[in-house]
Amino acid sequence: MAEGAQAQDAGLAAENAESAADVAAGPDDALFGYIERFASVLVSAGFPPMPARVFVALLVTDSGRLSAAELAAMLRISPAAVSGAVRYLIQLGLVHKERVPGSRRDYYRMPGNMWDDMIRMRDQVMGRWTALVREGIDLVGADTPAGQRMAEQAAFLEFATKELSQILSRWQEYRAGDASSPG
């Protein structure tokens, strides 16, 4: 039985090596250039460089999931860089870690509903910010310049929270309508 498991692991390793070779992109490759350009846009928006590169690599991969070794090969980075990048992306909810049955490797994939989840998380955070700003207004006084400034911020956060909720509802309607329309 152990021999069968070793053979299965060896087969998976060979399959993963072929997959890594398929996804490995050289510096002159158009896909590699696209990944780098897209990642640089994310970096300019405040995203850390390695997580940006890993995020884009997962985005452009047909399977939707890659192992750490495949990511390292594709991006020409160290396994340690992959580890730090996926840890960051997992914390943000942009990547999930999973195991494929019969494999000892961890794979990383993008959840299909990540943008919905991100907006929901942002909505929860903005709700907490609003409560804290309202608490601060009570402390400094609503009639003070600080209290007036904070009231404006609380009003914006409440508005944005309401709008985000409506955006999610409209997105669900859009997806449902798009899925039912003939393609």
C-alpha atoms as a PDB file:
ATOM      1  CA  MET A   1       0.000   0.000   0.000  1.00  0.00           C
ATOM      2  CA  ALA A   2       2.826   2.414   0.836  1.00  0.00           C
ATOM      3  CA  GLU A   3       4.362   1.565  -2.536  1.00  0.00           C
ATOM      4  CA  GLY A   4       1.094   2.513  -4.278  1.00  0.00           C
ATOM      5  CA  ALA A   5       0.958   5.817  -2.405  1.00  0.00           C
ATOM      6  CA  GLN A   6       4.565   6.547  -3.381  1.00  0.00           C
ATOM      7  CA  ALA A   7       3.788   5.794  -7.008  1.00  0.00           C
ATOM      8  CA  GLN A   8       0.747   8.051  -6.841  1.00  0.00           C
ATOM      9  CA  ASP A   9       2.854  10.837  -5.250  1.00  0.00           C
ATOM     10  CA  ALA A  10       5.513  10.322  -7.925  1.00  0.00           C
ATOM     11  CA  GLY A  11       2.850  10.582 -10.636  1.00  0.00           C
ATOM     12  CA  LEU A  12       1.470  13.749  -9.076  1.00  0.00           C
ATOM     13  CA  ALA A  13       4.987  15.175  -8.768  1.00  0.00           C
ATOM     14  CA  ALA A  14       5.637  14.518 -12.457  1.00  0.00           C
ATOM     15  CA  GLU A  15       2.264  16.028 -13.365  1.00  0.00           C
ATOM     16  CA  ASN A  16       3.010  19.067 -11.186  1.00  0.00           C
ATOM     17  CA  ALA A  17       6.462  19.467 -12.736  1.00  0.00           C
ATOM     18  CA  GLU A  18       4.900  19.426 -16.210  1.00  0.00           C
ATOM     19  CA  SER A  19       2.267  21.892 -15.057  1.00  0.00           C
ATOM     20  CA  ALA A  20       4.926  24.176 -13.585  1.00  0.00           C
ATOM     21  CA  ALA A  21       6.860  23.996 -16.851  1.00  0.00           C
ATOM     22  CA  ASP A  22       3.675  24.863 -18.746  1.00  0.00           C
ATOM     23  CA  VAL A  23       2.967  27.898 -16.590  1.00  0.00           C
ATOM     24  CA  ALA A  24       6.580  29.047 -16.214  1.00  0.00           C
ATOM     25  CA  ALA A  25       6.982  32.282 -18.072  1.00  0.00           C
ATOM     26  CA  GLY A  26      10.295  33.691 -19.146  1.00  0.00           C
ATOM     27  CA  PRO A  27      11.170  37.388 -19.081  1.00  0.00           C
ATOM     28  CA  ASP A  28      10.419  37.657 -22.815  1.00  0.00           C
ATOM     29  CA  ASP A  29       7.057  35.925 -22.567  1.00  0.00           C
ATOM     30  CA  ALA A  30       3.993  38.105 -23.224  1.00  0.00           C
ATOM     31  CA  LEU A  31       2.091  36.611 -20.279  1.00  0.00           C
ATOM     32  CA  PHE A  32       5.009  37.290 -17.945  1.00  0.00           C
ATOM     33  CA  GLY A  33       5.075  40.890 -19.162  1.00  0.00           C
ATOM     34  CA  TYR A  34       1.339  41.185 -18.600  1.00  0.00           C
ATOM     35  CA  ILE A  35       1.684  39.836 -15.060  1.00  0.00           C
ATOM     36  CA  GLU A  36       4.435  42.349 -14.341  1.00  0.00           C
ATOM     37  CA  ARG A  37       2.451  45.281 -15.791  1.00  0.00           C
ATOM     38  CA  PHE A  38      -0.729  44.362 -13.945  1.00  0.00           C
ATOM     39  CA  ALA A  39       1.216  43.829 -10.701  1.00  0.00           C
ATOM     40  CA  SER A  40       2.891  47.227 -11.071  1.00  0.00           C
ATOM     41  CA  VAL A  41      -0.541  48.877 -11.283  1.00  0.00           C
ATOM     42  CA  LEU A  42      -1.538  47.085  -8.069  1.00  0.00           C
ATOM     43  CA  VAL A  43       1.745  48.151  -6.425  1.00  0.00           C
ATOM     44  CA  SER A  44       1.143  51.773  -7.407  1.00  0.00           C
ATOM     45  CA  ALA A  45      -2.237  51.485  -5.641  1.00  0.00           C
ATOM     46  CA  GLY A  46      -0.509  50.344  -2.431  1.00  0.00           C
ATOM     47  CA  PHE A  47      -0.389  46.562  -2.839  1.00  0.00           C
ATOM     48  CA  PRO A  48       2.891  44.866  -1.827  1.00  0.00           C
ATOM     49  CA  PRO A  49       4.904  43.699  -4.877  1.00  0.00           C
ATOM     50  CA  MET A  50       5.082  39.925  -4.311  1.00  0.00           C
ATOM     51  CA  PRO A  51       1.433  39.490  -3.339  1.00  0.00           C
ATOM     52  CA  ALA A  52       0.513  41.575  -6.395  1.00  0.00           C
ATOM     53  CA  ARG A  53       2.476  39.263  -8.685  1.00  0.00           C
ATOM     54  CA  VAL A  54       1.027  36.109  -7.093  1.00  0.00           C
ATOM     55  CA  PHE A  55      -2.496  37.557  -7.297  1.00  0.00           C
ATOM     56  CA  VAL A  56      -2.165  38.243 -11.022  1.00  0.00           C
ATOM     57  CA  ALA A  57      -0.544  34.847 -11.668  1.00  0.00           C
ATOM     58  CA  LEU A  58      -3.519  33.108 -10.075  1.00  0.00           C
ATOM     59  CA  LEU A  59      -5.892  35.348 -11.997  1.00  0.00           C
ATOM     60  CA  VAL A  60      -4.460  34.366 -15.400  1.00  0.00           C
ATOM     61  CA  THR A  61      -4.133  30.646 -14.705  1.00  0.00           C
ATOM     62  CA  ASP A  62      -6.736  28.475 -16.427  1.00  0.00           C
ATOM     63  CA  SER A  63      -6.951  26.002 -13.551  1.00  0.00           C
ATOM     64  CA  GLY A  64      -7.494  28.803 -11.051  1.00  0.00           C
ATOM     65  CA  ARG A  65      -5.047  27.195  -8.650  1.00  0.00           C
ATOM     66  CA  LEU A  66      -1.310  26.733  -8.419  1.00  0.00           C
ATOM     67  CA  SER A  67       1.083  25.170  -5.951  1.00  0.00           C
ATOM     68  CA  ALA A  68       3.856  27.176  -4.339  1.00  0.00           C
ATOM     69  CA  ALA A  69       6.371  25.480  -6.645  1.00  0.00           C
ATOM     70  CA  GLU A  70       4.311  26.385  -9.712  1.00  0.00           C
ATOM     71  CA  LEU A  71       4.002  29.989  -8.570  1.00  0.00           C
ATOM     72  CA  ALA A  72       7.736  30.199  -7.905  1.00  0.00           C
ATOM     73  CA  ALA A  73       8.509  28.786 -11.360  1.00  0.00           C
ATOM     74  CA  MET A  74       5.986  30.976 -13.128  1.00  0.00           C
ATOM     75  CA  LEU A  75       7.129  34.183 -11.455  1.00  0.00           C
ATOM     76  CA  ARG A  76      10.839  33.323 -11.143  1.00  0.00           C
ATOM     77  CA  ILE A  77      10.760  33.972  -7.409  1.00  0.00           C
ATOM     78  CA  SER A  78      11.849  32.016  -4.358  1.00  0.00           C
ATOM     79  CA  PRO A  79       9.536  29.667  -2.453  1.00  0.00           C
ATOM     80  CA  ALA A  80       9.972  31.964   0.570  1.00  0.00           C
ATOM     81  CA  ALA A  81       8.643  34.899  -1.464  1.00  0.00           C
ATOM     82  CA  VAL A  82       5.647  32.789  -2.505  1.00  0.00           C
ATOM     83  CA  SER A  83       5.024  31.793   1.110  1.00  0.00           C
ATOM     84  CA  GLY A  84       4.953  35.384   2.326  1.00  0.00           C
ATOM     85  CA  ALA A  85       2.819  36.521  -0.607  1.00  0.00           C
ATOM     86  CA  VAL A  86       0.161  33.834  -0.217  1.00  0.00           C
ATOM     87  CA  ARG A  87       0.051  34.381   3.543  1.00  0.00           C
ATOM     88  CA  TYR A  88      -0.727  38.058   2.887  1.00  0.00           C
ATOM     89  CA  LEU A  89      -3.350  37.231   0.240  1.00  0.00           C
ATOM     90  CA  ILE A  90      -5.000  34.638   2.485  1.00  0.00           C
ATOM     91  CA  GLN A  91      -5.321  37.236   5.263  1.00  0.00           C
ATOM     92  CA  LEU A  92      -7.114  39.563   2.841  1.00  0.00           C
ATOM     93  CA  GLY A  93      -9.417  36.787   1.628  1.00  0.00           C
ATOM     94  CA  LEU A  94      -8.078  37.065  -1.927  1.00  0.00           C
ATOM     95  CA  VAL A  95      -6.637  33.538  -1.933  1.00  0.00           C
ATOM     96  CA  HIS A  96      -7.647  30.254  -0.335  1.00  0.00           C
ATOM     97  CA  LYS A  97      -5.325  27.405   0.538  1.00  0.00           C
ATOM     98  CA  GLU A  98      -6.483  23.891  -0.338  1.00  0.00           C
ATOM     99  CA  ARG A  99      -5.288  20.334  -0.713  1.00  0.00           C
ATOM    100  CA  VAL A 100      -5.962  18.219  -3.763  1.00  0.00           C
ATOM    101  CA  PRO A 101      -6.975  14.654  -2.836  1.00  0.00           C
ATOM    102  CA  GLY A 102      -4.004  12.354  -3.224  1.00  0.00           C
ATOM    103  CA  SER A 103      -1.447  15.142  -3.032  1.00  0.00           C
ATOM    104  CA  ARG A 104       0.688  16.331  -0.170  1.00  0.00           C
ATOM    105  CA  ARG A 105       1.056  19.780  -1.687  1.00  0.00           C
ATOM    106  CA  ASP A 106      -0.863  22.874  -0.784  1.00  0.00           C
ATOM    107  CA  TYR A 107      -2.500  24.704  -3.640  1.00  0.00           C
ATOM    108  CA  TYR A 108      -3.616  28.293  -3.740  1.00  0.00           C
ATOM    109  CA  ARG A 109      -6.691  29.508  -5.568  1.00  0.00           C
ATOM    110  CA  MET A 110      -8.789  32.604  -5.898  1.00  0.00           C
ATOM    111  CA  PRO A 111     -12.303  32.259  -4.514  1.00  0.00           C
ATOM    112  CA  GLY A 112     -14.963  32.847  -7.142  1.00  0.00           C
ATOM    113  CA  ASN A 113     -16.836  35.400  -5.054  1.00  0.00           C
ATOM    114  CA  MET A 114     -13.858  37.287  -3.660  1.00  0.00           C
ATOM    115  CA  TRP A 115     -15.063  40.741  -4.701  1.00  0.00           C
ATOM    116  CA  ASP A 116     -18.459  40.205  -3.064  1.00  0.00           C
ATOM    117  CA  ASP A 117     -16.701  39.057   0.096  1.00  0.00           C
ATOM    118  CA  MET A 118     -14.297  41.998   0.012  1.00  0.00           C
ATOM    119  CA  ILE A 119     -17.163  44.483  -0.210  1.00  0.00           C
ATOM    120  CA  ARG A 120     -19.004  42.731   2.623  1.00  0.00           C
ATOM    121  CA  MET A 121     -15.874  42.870   4.795  1.00  0.00           C
ATOM    122  CA  ARG A 122     -15.357  46.537   3.895  1.00  0.00           C
ATOM    123  CA  ASP A 123     -18.999  47.172   4.769  1.00  0.00           C
ATOM    124  CA  GLN A 124     -18.474  45.643   8.224  1.00  0.00           C
ATOM    125  CA  VAL A 125     -15.311  47.671   8.770  1.00  0.00           C
ATOM    126  CA  MET A 126     -17.043  50.882   7.752  1.00  0.00           C
ATOM    127  CA  GLY A 127     -19.845  50.107  10.193  1.00  0.00           C
ATOM    128  CA  ARG A 128     -17.290  49.880  12.999  1.00  0.00           C
ATOM    129  CA  TRP A 129     -15.600  53.095  11.842  1.00  0.00           C
ATOM    130  CA  THR A 130     -18.953  54.868  11.843  1.00  0.00           C
ATOM    131  CA  ALA A 131     -19.686  53.728  15.408  1.00  0.00           C
ATOM    132  CA  LEU A 132     -16.249  54.907  16.556  1.00  0.00           C
ATOM    133  CA  VAL A 133     -16.609  58.266  14.821  1.00  0.00           C
ATOM    134  CA  ARG A 134     -20.045  58.735  16.437  1.00  0.00           C
ATOM    135  CA  GLU A 135     -18.504  57.859  19.824  1.00  0.00           C
ATOM    136  CA  GLY A 136     -15.806  60.467  19.191  1.00  0.00           C
ATOM    137  CA  ILE A 137     -18.424  63.108  18.371  1.00  0.00           C
ATOM    138  CA  ASP A 138     -19.965  62.502  21.784  1.00  0.00           C
ATOM    139  CA  LEU A 139     -16.543  62.935  23.407  1.00  0.00           C
ATOM    140  CA  VAL A 140     -15.493  66.145  21.663  1.00  0.00           C
ATOM    141  CA  GLY A 141     -18.954  67.653  21.400  1.00  0.00           C
ATOM    142  CA  ALA A 142     -21.143  67.912  18.307  1.00  0.00           C
ATOM    143  CA  ASP A 143     -20.876  71.726  18.275  1.00  0.00           C
ATOM    144  CA  THR A 144     -17.069  71.844  18.175  1.00  0.00           C
ATOM    145  CA  PRO A 145     -15.111  72.106  14.903  1.00  0.00           C
ATOM    146  CA  ALA A 146     -13.796  68.574  15.517  1.00  0.00           C
ATOM    147  CA  GLY A 147     -17.302  67.294  16.199  1.00  0.00           C
ATOM    148  CA  GLN A 148     -18.624  68.898  13.012  1.00  0.00           C
ATOM    149  CA  ARG A 149     -15.756  67.443  10.985  1.00  0.00           C
ATOM    150  CA  MET A 150     -16.385  64.016  12.498  1.00  0.00           C
ATOM    151  CA  ALA A 151     -20.132  64.291  11.816  1.00  0.00           C
ATOM    152  CA  GLU A 152     -19.337  64.840   8.132  1.00  0.00           C
ATOM    153  CA  GLN A 153     -17.126  61.733   8.145  1.00  0.00           C
ATOM    154  CA  ALA A 154     -19.822  59.676   9.878  1.00  0.00           C
ATOM    155  CA  ALA A 155     -22.385  60.828   7.320  1.00  0.00           C
ATOM    156  CA  PHE A 156     -20.071  59.805   4.480  1.00  0.00           C
ATOM    157  CA  LEU A 157     -19.394  56.391   6.020  1.00  0.00           C
ATOM    158  CA  GLU A 158     -23.121  55.786   6.505  1.00  0.00           C
ATOM    159  CA  PHE A 159     -23.782  56.820   2.911  1.00  0.00           C
ATOM    160  CA  ALA A 160     -20.990  54.590   1.575  1.00  0.00           C
ATOM    161  CA  THR A 161     -22.199  51.628   3.644  1.00  0.00           C
ATOM    162  CA  LYS A 162     -25.715  52.009   2.221  1.00  0.00           C
ATOM    163  CA  GLU A 163     -24.363  52.326  -1.323  1.00  0.00           C
ATOM    164  CA  LEU A 164     -22.115  49.262  -0.977  1.00  0.00           C
ATOM    165  CA  SER A 165     -25.082  47.205   0.176  1.00  0.00           C
ATOM    166  CA  GLN A 166     -27.064  48.363  -2.855  1.00  0.00           C
ATOM    167  CA  ILE A 167     -24.132  47.635  -5.166  1.00  0.00           C
ATOM    168  CA  LEU A 168     -24.009  44.048  -3.893  1.00  0.00           C
ATOM    169  CA  SER A 169     -27.744  43.643  -4.455  1.00  0.00           C
ATOM    170  CA  ARG A 170     -27.512  45.068  -7.967  1.00  0.00           C
ATOM    171  CA  TRP A 171     -24.500  42.847  -8.700  1.00  0.00           C
ATOM    172  CA  GLN A 172     -26.448  39.735  -7.657  1.00  0.00           C
ATOM    173  CA  GLU A 173     -29.345  40.798  -9.909  1.00  0.00           C
ATOM    174  CA  TYR A 174     -26.939  41.492 -12.774  1.00  0.00           C
ATOM    175  CA  ARG A 175     -25.246  38.097 -12.406  1.00  0.00           C
ATOM    176  CA  ALA A 176     -28.601  36.315 -12.232  1.00  0.00           C
ATOM    177  CA  GLY A 177     -29.794  38.118 -15.372  1.00  0.00           C
ATOM    178  CA  ASP A 178     -26.499  37.585 -17.180  1.00  0.00           C
ATOM    179  CA  ALA A 179     -26.526  33.872 -16.374  1.00  0.00           C
ATOM    180  CA  SER A 180     -30.065  33.459 -17.682  1.00  0.00           C
ATOM    181  CA  SER A 181     -29.496  35.323 -20.941  1.00  0.00           C
ATOM    182  CA  PRO A 182     -28.635  33.228 -24.002  1.00  0.00           C
ATOM    183  CA  GLY A 183     -24.904  33.199 -24.677  1.00  0.00           C
END
